[in-house]
Amino acid sequence: MRAFFLLSLATLLGSCATGLRDWRSIRVDGPSYEDIYNTTARFLESESRLDPARTDRGKGILWTKWRVQPAAFSRGKRTRIRVEIERLAPRSFNLRYCVEKQMYKDMATPLYPREDEWGGTSQDPSAETLVGHHLRLRMADLLGKKGIKAKGVRISDPMRNYKREH
C-alpha cells in the first residue's frame, strides 16, 4: 500500500513540475495598472504580435504569438514571450516574464514544420535578459526617468548586421 502511495505521489509531482517556469521579475511602484498593462502590451507588440486567445487584460497575462526562426539543414526554433502583472499593493506591481523556446529537429522539411513537430519546450535565457532590459527601460520611461540605460547589454537592431552581410 505504501509503495502505491509513493508511486502515485511521484507521478503527481512529476506532472506538476512540467508546467513550472523560471520566472524573472521586475518590481514597479507608482503607475496605475492600466498604464503598466498598456506599456507592456505596446512593447510586446513591437517584438511580435500579441496572441488574443491567450492574453487576458483582467488577469494581467500577456502572451505573444510564436516567432519562428527557421534554419535550413539545422535546428529551427521558435520563441514567445509571456508576461504576468501581479498586484502587490494599490500602486505596486510585479512584472513576471519568461521567454519560451521550442526546437524543430527534422532536416527533411526544415522550413515548413507542422505544429505537432515542435518540441523540447525550454526557456531562452539570453532573450529573457534582453526582454528584461527593454521592460525596465519602458517602465522607467513610464515613470518619467529619462536617460536610464541598461547596463551591460548593448541593445541594437539585429537586422543591421544581416543587411551588411547580405
N, C-alpha and C. Protein backbone atom coordinates (compact mmCIF):
# COMPACT_ATOMS: atom_id res chain seq x y z
N MET A 1 0.82 -1.19 0.00
CA MET A 1 0.00 0.00 0.00
C MET A 1 0.87 1.26 0.00
N ARG A 2 1.93 1.22 0.80
CA ARG A 2 2.82 2.37 0.89
C ARG A 2 3.54 2.62 -0.44
N ALA A 3 3.94 1.56 -1.12
CA ALA A 3 4.62 1.70 -2.42
C ALA A 3 3.65 2.32 -3.44
N PHE A 4 2.40 1.92 -3.41
CA PHE A 4 1.41 2.50 -4.31
C PHE A 4 1.25 4.00 -4.05
N PHE A 5 1.19 4.37 -2.78
CA PHE A 5 1.06 5.79 -2.42
C PHE A 5 2.27 6.59 -2.89
N LEU A 6 3.47 6.07 -2.68
CA LEU A 6 4.68 6.78 -3.11
C LEU A 6 4.76 6.89 -4.63
N LEU A 7 4.35 5.84 -5.33
CA LEU A 7 4.34 5.87 -6.79
C LEU A 7 3.32 6.90 -7.30
N SER A 8 2.16 6.95 -6.69
CA SER A 8 1.14 7.93 -7.08
C SER A 8 1.62 9.35 -6.80
N LEU A 9 2.26 9.55 -5.66
CA LEU A 9 2.77 10.87 -5.29
C LEU A 9 3.87 11.31 -6.25
N ALA A 10 4.76 10.41 -6.62
CA ALA A 10 5.84 10.75 -7.56
C ALA A 10 5.28 11.11 -8.93
N THR A 11 4.26 10.39 -9.37
CA THR A 11 3.63 10.68 -10.66
C THR A 11 2.95 12.04 -10.61
N LEU A 12 2.25 12.32 -9.54
CA LEU A 12 1.55 13.59 -9.39
C LEU A 12 2.54 14.76 -9.36
N LEU A 13 3.59 14.64 -8.58
CA LEU A 13 4.59 15.70 -8.51
C LEU A 13 5.33 15.87 -9.82
N GLY A 14 5.58 14.79 -10.52
CA GLY A 14 6.25 14.86 -11.82
C GLY A 14 5.39 15.58 -12.85
N SER A 15 4.09 15.34 -12.81
CA SER A 15 3.21 16.01 -13.77
C SER A 15 3.06 17.49 -13.44
N CYS A 16 3.13 17.84 -12.17
CA CYS A 16 3.04 19.26 -11.79
C CYS A 16 4.31 20.01 -12.17
N ALA A 17 5.44 19.36 -12.14
CA ALA A 17 6.71 20.02 -12.40
C ALA A 17 6.89 20.39 -13.87
N THR A 18 6.14 19.76 -14.76
CA THR A 18 6.31 20.06 -16.18
C THR A 18 5.85 21.46 -16.53
N GLY A 19 4.94 22.05 -15.75
CA GLY A 19 4.44 23.38 -16.05
C GLY A 19 5.20 24.50 -15.36
N LEU A 20 6.23 24.17 -14.61
CA LEU A 20 6.98 25.18 -13.88
C LEU A 20 7.85 26.00 -14.81
N ARG A 21 7.95 27.29 -14.52
CA ARG A 21 8.80 28.19 -15.29
C ARG A 21 9.78 28.85 -14.34
N ASP A 22 10.91 29.23 -14.86
CA ASP A 22 11.88 30.00 -14.10
C ASP A 22 11.60 31.47 -14.40
N TRP A 23 10.73 32.07 -13.61
CA TRP A 23 10.29 33.44 -13.86
C TRP A 23 11.38 34.44 -13.49
N ARG A 24 11.46 35.50 -14.26
CA ARG A 24 12.25 36.67 -13.90
C ARG A 24 11.25 37.75 -13.55
N SER A 25 11.64 38.70 -12.73
CA SER A 25 10.65 39.68 -12.31
C SER A 25 11.24 41.08 -12.18
N ILE A 26 10.35 42.05 -12.32
CA ILE A 26 10.68 43.47 -12.18
C ILE A 26 9.61 44.07 -11.29
N ARG A 27 10.02 44.78 -10.27
CA ARG A 27 9.06 45.47 -9.40
C ARG A 27 8.88 46.90 -9.90
N VAL A 28 7.61 47.31 -10.00
CA VAL A 28 7.28 48.66 -10.48
C VAL A 28 6.36 49.31 -9.46
N ASP A 29 6.78 50.46 -8.93
CA ASP A 29 5.98 51.21 -7.97
C ASP A 29 5.62 52.57 -8.56
N GLY A 30 4.35 52.95 -8.44
CA GLY A 30 3.95 54.28 -8.86
C GLY A 30 2.84 54.35 -9.89
N PRO A 31 3.02 53.80 -11.09
CA PRO A 31 1.97 53.97 -12.11
C PRO A 31 0.76 53.08 -11.84
N SER A 32 -0.31 53.36 -12.57
CA SER A 32 -1.54 52.57 -12.43
C SER A 32 -1.41 51.26 -13.20
N TYR A 33 -2.33 50.35 -12.90
CA TYR A 33 -2.35 49.05 -13.58
C TYR A 33 -2.53 49.24 -15.08
N GLU A 34 -3.44 50.13 -15.47
CA GLU A 34 -3.71 50.37 -16.89
C GLU A 34 -2.47 50.86 -17.62
N ASP A 35 -1.72 51.77 -16.99
CA ASP A 35 -0.50 52.29 -17.63
C ASP A 35 0.54 51.19 -17.81
N ILE A 36 0.70 50.36 -16.79
CA ILE A 36 1.68 49.27 -16.88
C ILE A 36 1.23 48.27 -17.94
N TYR A 37 -0.04 47.90 -17.95
CA TYR A 37 -0.54 46.95 -18.93
C TYR A 37 -0.37 47.48 -20.35
N ASN A 38 -0.76 48.72 -20.58
CA ASN A 38 -0.66 49.30 -21.92
C ASN A 38 0.79 49.43 -22.37
N THR A 39 1.68 49.84 -21.48
CA THR A 39 3.10 49.95 -21.83
C THR A 39 3.68 48.59 -22.16
N THR A 40 3.35 47.59 -21.37
CA THR A 40 3.84 46.23 -21.62
C THR A 40 3.27 45.69 -22.93
N ALA A 41 2.00 45.93 -23.19
CA ALA A 41 1.38 45.45 -24.43
C ALA A 41 2.02 46.12 -25.65
N ARG A 42 2.30 47.42 -25.57
CA ARG A 42 2.96 48.11 -26.70
C ARG A 42 4.36 47.54 -26.94
N PHE A 43 5.08 47.25 -25.87
CA PHE A 43 6.41 46.66 -26.02
C PHE A 43 6.32 45.29 -26.69
N LEU A 44 5.41 44.45 -26.23
CA LEU A 44 5.28 43.11 -26.80
C LEU A 44 4.82 43.16 -28.25
N GLU A 45 3.97 44.13 -28.60
CA GLU A 45 3.56 44.27 -29.99
C GLU A 45 4.71 44.75 -30.87
N SER A 46 5.67 45.44 -30.29
CA SER A 46 6.84 45.84 -31.08
C SER A 46 7.77 44.66 -31.32
N GLU A 47 7.75 43.67 -30.44
CA GLU A 47 8.58 42.48 -30.60
C GLU A 47 7.91 41.43 -31.48
N SER A 48 6.63 41.27 -31.31
CA SER A 48 5.87 40.25 -32.02
C SER A 48 4.40 40.64 -31.90
N ARG A 49 3.52 39.79 -32.38
CA ARG A 49 2.09 40.08 -32.23
C ARG A 49 1.57 39.44 -30.96
N LEU A 50 0.66 40.14 -30.29
CA LEU A 50 0.01 39.57 -29.12
C LEU A 50 -0.93 38.46 -29.55
N ASP A 51 -1.01 37.42 -28.74
CA ASP A 51 -1.91 36.31 -29.01
C ASP A 51 -3.23 36.59 -28.28
N PRO A 52 -4.28 37.02 -29.00
CA PRO A 52 -5.52 37.39 -28.31
C PRO A 52 -6.21 36.22 -27.62
N ALA A 53 -5.96 35.00 -28.06
CA ALA A 53 -6.58 33.84 -27.43
C ALA A 53 -6.01 33.56 -26.04
N ARG A 54 -4.78 33.96 -25.79
CA ARG A 54 -4.13 33.69 -24.51
C ARG A 54 -4.00 34.93 -23.63
N THR A 55 -4.07 36.11 -24.22
CA THR A 55 -3.90 37.35 -23.47
C THR A 55 -5.19 37.68 -22.73
N ASP A 56 -5.06 38.07 -21.45
CA ASP A 56 -6.21 38.40 -20.61
C ASP A 56 -5.91 39.66 -19.83
N ARG A 57 -6.56 40.76 -20.18
CA ARG A 57 -6.32 42.05 -19.54
C ARG A 57 -6.72 42.03 -18.06
N GLY A 58 -7.82 41.39 -17.75
CA GLY A 58 -8.30 41.35 -16.37
C GLY A 58 -7.37 40.59 -15.43
N LYS A 59 -6.79 39.51 -15.92
CA LYS A 59 -5.86 38.71 -15.11
C LYS A 59 -4.43 39.22 -15.20
N GLY A 60 -4.16 40.12 -16.14
CA GLY A 60 -2.80 40.67 -16.28
C GLY A 60 -1.85 39.70 -16.94
N ILE A 61 -2.33 38.90 -17.88
CA ILE A 61 -1.49 37.92 -18.57
C ILE A 61 -1.38 38.33 -20.04
N LEU A 62 -0.15 38.43 -20.52
CA LEU A 62 0.10 38.78 -21.92
C LEU A 62 0.98 37.72 -22.54
N TRP A 63 0.60 37.24 -23.71
CA TRP A 63 1.37 36.26 -24.49
C TRP A 63 1.60 36.83 -25.88
N THR A 64 2.73 36.55 -26.45
CA THR A 64 2.92 36.86 -27.86
C THR A 64 2.70 35.57 -28.65
N LYS A 65 2.51 35.72 -29.94
CA LYS A 65 2.43 34.55 -30.81
C LYS A 65 3.85 34.02 -31.01
N TRP A 66 3.96 32.81 -31.50
CA TRP A 66 5.26 32.21 -31.74
C TRP A 66 6.01 33.01 -32.80
N ARG A 67 7.26 33.27 -32.56
CA ARG A 67 8.15 33.92 -33.53
C ARG A 67 9.08 32.82 -34.04
N VAL A 68 8.89 32.43 -35.30
CA VAL A 68 9.59 31.28 -35.86
C VAL A 68 10.88 31.75 -36.52
N GLN A 69 11.96 31.03 -36.23
CA GLN A 69 13.26 31.28 -36.84
C GLN A 69 13.70 29.99 -37.52
N PRO A 70 13.29 29.80 -38.79
CA PRO A 70 13.65 28.56 -39.48
C PRO A 70 15.14 28.51 -39.78
N ALA A 71 15.64 27.30 -39.90
CA ALA A 71 17.04 27.12 -40.22
C ALA A 71 17.16 25.92 -41.16
N ALA A 72 17.61 26.16 -42.36
CA ALA A 72 17.78 25.09 -43.33
C ALA A 72 18.93 24.18 -42.89
N PHE A 73 18.75 22.89 -43.00
CA PHE A 73 19.76 21.87 -42.65
C PHE A 73 20.23 22.00 -41.20
N SER A 74 19.36 22.48 -40.36
CA SER A 74 19.75 22.69 -38.98
C SER A 74 18.52 22.57 -38.10
N ARG A 75 18.63 23.07 -36.91
CA ARG A 75 17.54 23.02 -35.96
C ARG A 75 16.89 24.40 -35.89
N GLY A 76 15.69 24.52 -36.42
CA GLY A 76 14.95 25.77 -36.31
C GLY A 76 14.41 25.93 -34.90
N LYS A 77 14.06 27.14 -34.56
CA LYS A 77 13.48 27.36 -33.24
C LYS A 77 12.38 28.39 -33.34
N ARG A 78 11.55 28.42 -32.31
CA ARG A 78 10.53 29.44 -32.20
C ARG A 78 10.44 29.86 -30.74
N THR A 79 10.14 31.13 -30.54
CA THR A 79 10.08 31.67 -29.18
C THR A 79 8.80 32.50 -29.03
N ARG A 80 8.38 32.62 -27.80
CA ARG A 80 7.28 33.52 -27.47
C ARG A 80 7.50 34.04 -26.05
N ILE A 81 6.95 35.22 -25.80
CA ILE A 81 7.14 35.89 -24.52
C ILE A 81 5.85 35.81 -23.72
N ARG A 82 5.98 35.56 -22.43
CA ARG A 82 4.84 35.59 -21.52
C ARG A 82 5.15 36.56 -20.40
N VAL A 83 4.21 37.46 -20.12
CA VAL A 83 4.35 38.43 -19.04
C VAL A 83 3.10 38.36 -18.18
N GLU A 84 3.29 38.35 -16.87
CA GLU A 84 2.18 38.39 -15.93
C GLU A 84 2.37 39.60 -15.02
N ILE A 85 1.31 40.35 -14.81
CA ILE A 85 1.35 41.52 -13.93
C ILE A 85 0.65 41.15 -12.63
N GLU A 86 1.42 41.15 -11.54
CA GLU A 86 0.87 40.83 -10.22
C GLU A 86 0.74 42.11 -9.41
N ARG A 87 -0.42 42.31 -8.81
CA ARG A 87 -0.63 43.48 -7.96
C ARG A 87 -0.16 43.14 -6.55
N LEU A 88 0.78 43.93 -6.03
CA LEU A 88 1.27 43.74 -4.67
C LEU A 88 0.56 44.68 -3.71
N ALA A 89 0.29 45.89 -4.16
CA ALA A 89 -0.40 46.93 -3.39
C ALA A 89 -1.16 47.78 -4.41
N PRO A 90 -1.94 48.78 -3.97
CA PRO A 90 -2.69 49.57 -4.96
C PRO A 90 -1.83 50.19 -6.07
N ARG A 91 -0.63 50.63 -5.79
CA ARG A 91 0.23 51.21 -6.82
C ARG A 91 1.60 50.52 -6.86
N SER A 92 1.62 49.24 -6.56
CA SER A 92 2.86 48.47 -6.59
C SER A 92 2.59 47.15 -7.31
N PHE A 93 3.43 46.86 -8.31
CA PHE A 93 3.21 45.69 -9.15
C PHE A 93 4.51 44.93 -9.35
N ASN A 94 4.36 43.67 -9.67
CA ASN A 94 5.49 42.81 -10.01
C ASN A 94 5.25 42.28 -11.42
N LEU A 95 6.18 42.56 -12.32
CA LEU A 95 6.10 42.02 -13.68
C LEU A 95 6.91 40.74 -13.71
N ARG A 96 6.25 39.62 -13.95
CA ARG A 96 6.93 38.34 -14.11
C ARG A 96 6.95 38.01 -15.59
N TYR A 97 8.10 37.57 -16.09
CA TYR A 97 8.19 37.29 -17.52
C TYR A 97 9.11 36.11 -17.77
N CYS A 98 8.89 35.46 -18.91
CA CYS A 98 9.77 34.39 -19.37
C CYS A 98 9.64 34.31 -20.89
N VAL A 99 10.64 33.72 -21.51
CA VAL A 99 10.65 33.51 -22.96
C VAL A 99 10.72 32.00 -23.18
N GLU A 100 9.65 31.45 -23.74
CA GLU A 100 9.60 30.01 -24.02
C GLU A 100 10.22 29.75 -25.37
N LYS A 101 10.89 28.61 -25.47
CA LYS A 101 11.56 28.23 -26.72
C LYS A 101 11.25 26.79 -27.04
N GLN A 102 11.01 26.52 -28.33
CA GLN A 102 10.84 25.16 -28.82
C GLN A 102 11.75 24.97 -30.02
N MET A 103 12.22 23.74 -30.18
CA MET A 103 13.13 23.41 -31.27
C MET A 103 12.44 22.49 -32.27
N TYR A 104 12.95 22.52 -33.50
CA TYR A 104 12.47 21.67 -34.58
C TYR A 104 13.68 20.94 -35.14
N LYS A 105 13.65 19.62 -35.15
CA LYS A 105 14.85 18.86 -35.47
C LYS A 105 14.81 18.11 -36.80
N ASP A 106 13.70 18.09 -37.49
CA ASP A 106 13.58 17.30 -38.71
C ASP A 106 14.25 18.03 -39.87
N MET A 107 15.29 17.44 -40.43
CA MET A 107 16.02 18.08 -41.54
C MET A 107 15.32 17.87 -42.88
N ALA A 108 14.34 16.98 -42.94
CA ALA A 108 13.68 16.72 -44.22
C ALA A 108 12.82 17.89 -44.67
N THR A 109 12.13 18.53 -43.74
CA THR A 109 11.29 19.70 -44.07
C THR A 109 11.60 20.83 -43.09
N PRO A 110 12.78 21.42 -43.17
CA PRO A 110 13.18 22.40 -42.14
C PRO A 110 12.44 23.73 -42.21
N LEU A 111 11.89 24.09 -43.36
CA LEU A 111 11.27 25.41 -43.48
C LEU A 111 9.76 25.38 -43.29
N TYR A 112 9.16 24.19 -43.28
CA TYR A 112 7.70 24.09 -43.17
C TYR A 112 7.29 23.07 -42.11
N PRO A 113 7.63 23.28 -40.86
CA PRO A 113 7.26 22.30 -39.83
C PRO A 113 5.78 22.39 -39.49
N ARG A 114 5.21 21.24 -39.15
CA ARG A 114 3.83 21.19 -38.67
C ARG A 114 3.83 21.50 -37.17
N GLU A 115 2.68 21.84 -36.66
CA GLU A 115 2.57 22.22 -35.24
C GLU A 115 3.00 21.08 -34.32
N ASP A 116 2.66 19.84 -34.66
CA ASP A 116 2.99 18.72 -33.79
C ASP A 116 4.46 18.31 -33.87
N GLU A 117 5.25 18.90 -34.77
CA GLU A 117 6.66 18.54 -34.90
C GLU A 117 7.57 19.41 -34.01
N TRP A 118 7.03 20.45 -33.41
CA TRP A 118 7.81 21.27 -32.49
C TRP A 118 7.87 20.56 -31.16
N GLY A 119 8.99 20.66 -30.47
CA GLY A 119 9.10 20.00 -29.18
C GLY A 119 10.26 20.53 -28.37
N GLY A 120 10.43 19.93 -27.22
CA GLY A 120 11.54 20.31 -26.35
C GLY A 120 11.36 21.70 -25.76
N THR A 121 10.20 21.96 -25.15
CA THR A 121 9.95 23.28 -24.59
C THR A 121 10.95 23.58 -23.47
N SER A 122 11.60 24.72 -23.60
CA SER A 122 12.53 25.19 -22.58
C SER A 122 12.45 26.71 -22.56
N GLN A 123 13.41 27.35 -21.94
CA GLN A 123 13.44 28.80 -21.88
C GLN A 123 14.70 29.31 -22.56
N ASP A 124 14.66 30.57 -23.00
CA ASP A 124 15.78 31.20 -23.69
C ASP A 124 16.34 32.30 -22.78
N PRO A 125 17.39 32.01 -21.99
CA PRO A 125 17.90 32.98 -21.02
C PRO A 125 18.46 34.26 -21.66
N SER A 126 19.10 34.15 -22.82
CA SER A 126 19.65 35.36 -23.44
C SER A 126 18.53 36.29 -23.91
N ALA A 127 17.45 35.72 -24.44
CA ALA A 127 16.31 36.53 -24.84
C ALA A 127 15.61 37.13 -23.62
N GLU A 128 15.57 36.38 -22.52
CA GLU A 128 14.96 36.90 -21.29
C GLU A 128 15.74 38.10 -20.75
N THR A 129 17.06 38.07 -20.89
CA THR A 129 17.87 39.21 -20.45
C THR A 129 17.51 40.45 -21.25
N LEU A 130 17.42 40.32 -22.56
CA LEU A 130 17.05 41.46 -23.40
C LEU A 130 15.63 41.95 -23.13
N VAL A 131 14.70 41.03 -22.98
CA VAL A 131 13.33 41.41 -22.67
C VAL A 131 13.28 42.17 -21.34
N GLY A 132 14.02 41.69 -20.36
CA GLY A 132 14.06 42.36 -19.06
C GLY A 132 14.59 43.78 -19.15
N HIS A 133 15.67 43.97 -19.92
CA HIS A 133 16.22 45.32 -20.08
C HIS A 133 15.24 46.23 -20.81
N HIS A 134 14.59 45.71 -21.83
CA HIS A 134 13.62 46.52 -22.56
C HIS A 134 12.44 46.89 -21.65
N LEU A 135 11.95 45.94 -20.86
CA LEU A 135 10.85 46.24 -19.95
C LEU A 135 11.26 47.27 -18.90
N ARG A 136 12.48 47.15 -18.38
CA ARG A 136 12.96 48.15 -17.40
C ARG A 136 13.03 49.54 -18.02
N LEU A 137 13.50 49.61 -19.26
CA LEU A 137 13.57 50.91 -19.94
C LEU A 137 12.18 51.49 -20.17
N ARG A 138 11.24 50.64 -20.57
CA ARG A 138 9.87 51.12 -20.80
C ARG A 138 9.21 51.58 -19.51
N MET A 139 9.44 50.85 -18.41
CA MET A 139 8.86 51.24 -17.12
C MET A 139 9.52 52.52 -16.60
N ALA A 140 10.82 52.67 -16.81
CA ALA A 140 11.50 53.91 -16.40
C ALA A 140 10.95 55.09 -17.20
N ASP A 141 10.71 54.88 -18.48
CA ASP A 141 10.12 55.93 -19.30
C ASP A 141 8.71 56.26 -18.83
N LEU A 142 7.95 55.27 -18.43
CA LEU A 142 6.60 55.48 -17.91
C LEU A 142 6.64 56.31 -16.63
N LEU A 143 7.65 56.08 -15.80
CA LEU A 143 7.79 56.82 -14.54
C LEU A 143 8.42 58.20 -14.74
N GLY A 144 8.85 58.49 -15.96
CA GLY A 144 9.45 59.80 -16.24
C GLY A 144 10.92 59.88 -15.93
N LYS A 145 11.59 58.76 -15.79
CA LYS A 145 13.03 58.72 -15.52
C LYS A 145 13.77 58.62 -16.84
N LYS A 146 14.01 59.75 -17.46
CA LYS A 146 14.69 59.78 -18.75
C LYS A 146 16.18 59.53 -18.57
N GLY A 147 16.78 58.95 -19.57
CA GLY A 147 18.23 58.77 -19.58
C GLY A 147 18.73 57.53 -18.87
N ILE A 148 17.83 56.67 -18.40
CA ILE A 148 18.27 55.43 -17.76
C ILE A 148 18.72 54.48 -18.84
N LYS A 149 19.88 53.87 -18.65
CA LYS A 149 20.42 52.94 -19.65
C LYS A 149 20.51 51.55 -19.04
N ALA A 150 20.33 50.57 -19.88
CA ALA A 150 20.50 49.18 -19.45
C ALA A 150 21.99 48.90 -19.37
N LYS A 151 22.47 48.53 -18.20
CA LYS A 151 23.90 48.31 -18.01
C LYS A 151 24.31 46.92 -18.47
N GLY A 152 25.42 46.85 -19.16
CA GLY A 152 25.99 45.56 -19.53
C GLY A 152 25.41 44.91 -20.77
N VAL A 153 24.41 45.52 -21.39
CA VAL A 153 23.80 44.93 -22.58
C VAL A 153 23.72 45.99 -23.66
N ARG A 154 24.18 45.64 -24.84
CA ARG A 154 24.10 46.54 -25.98
C ARG A 154 22.85 46.19 -26.76
N ILE A 155 21.87 47.08 -26.72
CA ILE A 155 20.62 46.83 -27.41
C ILE A 155 20.72 47.48 -28.78
N SER A 156 20.62 46.67 -29.81
CA SER A 156 20.75 47.18 -31.17
C SER A 156 19.80 46.43 -32.09
N ASP A 157 19.71 46.91 -33.29
CA ASP A 157 18.85 46.29 -34.28
C ASP A 157 19.52 45.02 -34.80
N PRO A 158 18.92 43.84 -34.60
CA PRO A 158 19.56 42.61 -35.06
C PRO A 158 19.63 42.50 -36.58
N MET A 159 18.79 43.22 -37.29
CA MET A 159 18.80 43.15 -38.75
C MET A 159 19.90 44.02 -39.36
N ARG A 160 20.49 44.91 -38.58
CA ARG A 160 21.55 45.78 -39.11
C ARG A 160 22.73 44.96 -39.62
N ASN A 161 23.17 43.98 -38.83
CA ASN A 161 24.28 43.12 -39.26
C ASN A 161 23.89 42.26 -40.44
N TYR A 162 22.63 41.80 -40.48
CA TYR A 162 22.17 40.97 -41.57
C TYR A 162 22.20 41.75 -42.89
N LYS A 163 21.79 43.01 -42.84
CA LYS A 163 21.77 43.81 -44.05
C LYS A 163 23.18 44.05 -44.59
N ARG A 164 24.13 44.20 -43.70
CA ARG A 164 25.51 44.42 -44.13
C ARG A 164 26.12 43.17 -44.77
N GLU A 165 25.78 42.01 -44.22
CA GLU A 165 26.36 40.77 -44.72
C GLU A 165 25.74 40.33 -46.04
N HIS A 166 24.49 40.66 -46.27
CA HIS A 166 23.79 40.14 -47.46
C HIS A 166 23.44 41.23 -48.40
